[in-house]
Amino acid sequence: MNERITNIGIRKIFECSKLTALKIMKRILKEKNLTKGKISKNDIKKRFYIDI
């Protein structure tokens, strides 16, 4: 499953504020060097070792 994850998706997963979600998103994007909207559940699993 390589579903794309948005800011809202990240907020749900981490139950954090919008700002924190954006920071997390930027950090993942920086590591992947990708454009917005291309973060997948897999990326978050690998990065944060959480099961989604």
C-alpha atoms as a PDB file:
ATOM      1  CA  MET A   1       0.000   0.000   0.000  1.00  0.00           C
ATOM      2  CA  ASN A   2       1.594   3.214  -1.110  1.00  0.00           C
ATOM      3  CA  GLU A   3      -1.150   5.688  -0.354  1.00  0.00           C
ATOM      4  CA  ARG A   4      -0.248   9.332  -0.511  1.00  0.00           C
ATOM      5  CA  ILE A   5      -0.363  11.165   2.751  1.00  0.00           C
ATOM      6  CA  THR A   6      -1.299  14.775   3.228  1.00  0.00           C
ATOM      7  CA  ASN A   7      -0.809  17.224   6.049  1.00  0.00           C
ATOM      8  CA  ILE A   8      -4.194  16.175   7.427  1.00  0.00           C
ATOM      9  CA  GLY A   9      -3.208  12.519   7.208  1.00  0.00           C
ATOM     10  CA  ILE A  10      -0.059  13.181   9.173  1.00  0.00           C
ATOM     11  CA  ARG A  11      -2.029  15.126  11.770  1.00  0.00           C
ATOM     12  CA  LYS A  12      -4.308  12.138  12.254  1.00  0.00           C
ATOM     13  CA  ILE A  13      -1.420   9.704  12.596  1.00  0.00           C
ATOM     14  CA  PHE A  14       0.558  11.762  15.082  1.00  0.00           C
ATOM     15  CA  GLU A  15      -2.412  13.573  16.649  1.00  0.00           C
ATOM     16  CA  CYS A  16      -0.420  16.775  16.474  1.00  0.00           C
ATOM     17  CA  SER A  17      -1.011  20.364  15.527  1.00  0.00           C
ATOM     18  CA  LYS A  18      -0.951  21.628  11.986  1.00  0.00           C
ATOM     19  CA  LEU A  19       2.446  23.195  12.535  1.00  0.00           C
ATOM     20  CA  THR A  20       3.974  19.982  13.827  1.00  0.00           C
ATOM     21  CA  ALA A  21       2.413  18.041  10.979  1.00  0.00           C
ATOM     22  CA  LEU A  22       3.977  20.439   8.490  1.00  0.00           C
ATOM     23  CA  LYS A  23       7.368  20.111  10.164  1.00  0.00           C
ATOM     24  CA  ILE A  24       7.158  16.315  10.027  1.00  0.00           C
ATOM     25  CA  MET A  25       6.086  16.493   6.413  1.00  0.00           C
ATOM     26  CA  LYS A  26       8.943  18.822   5.487  1.00  0.00           C
ATOM     27  CA  ARG A  27      11.441  16.584   7.241  1.00  0.00           C
ATOM     28  CA  ILE A  28      10.269  13.532   5.310  1.00  0.00           C
ATOM     29  CA  LEU A  29      10.210  15.510   2.073  1.00  0.00           C
ATOM     30  CA  LYS A  30      13.719  16.778   2.675  1.00  0.00           C
ATOM     31  CA  GLU A  31      14.969  13.223   3.175  1.00  0.00           C
ATOM     32  CA  LYS A  32      13.179  12.027   0.063  1.00  0.00           C
ATOM     33  CA  ASN A  33      13.803  15.201  -1.922  1.00  0.00           C
ATOM     34  CA  LEU A  34      10.350  14.999  -3.402  1.00  0.00           C
ATOM     35  CA  THR A  35       7.558  17.365  -4.241  1.00  0.00           C
ATOM     36  CA  LYS A  36       4.578  17.885  -1.979  1.00  0.00           C
ATOM     37  CA  GLY A  37       1.917  15.226  -1.834  1.00  0.00           C
ATOM     38  CA  LYS A  38       4.212  12.324  -2.520  1.00  0.00           C
ATOM     39  CA  ILE A  39       4.617  11.119   1.031  1.00  0.00           C
ATOM     40  CA  SER A  40       3.321   7.593   1.383  1.00  0.00           C
ATOM     41  CA  LYS A  41       2.351   5.575   4.431  1.00  0.00           C
ATOM     42  CA  ASN A  42       5.481   3.557   3.797  1.00  0.00           C
ATOM     43  CA  ASP A  43       7.701   6.584   4.239  1.00  0.00           C
ATOM     44  CA  ILE A  44       6.190   7.309   7.608  1.00  0.00           C
ATOM     45  CA  LYS A  45       6.440   3.670   8.666  1.00  0.00           C
ATOM     46  CA  LYS A  46      10.119   3.580   7.748  1.00  0.00           C
ATOM     47  CA  ARG A  47      10.878   6.934   9.302  1.00  0.00           C
ATOM     48  CA  PHE A  48       8.960   6.620  12.548  1.00  0.00           C
ATOM     49  CA  TYR A  49       8.599   2.860  12.944  1.00  0.00           C
ATOM     50  CA  ILE A  50       4.882   3.040  13.527  1.00  0.00           C
ATOM     51  CA  ASP A  51       2.281   0.766  12.082  1.00  0.00           C
ATOM     52  CA  ILE A  52      -0.404   2.540  10.107  1.00  0.00           C
END
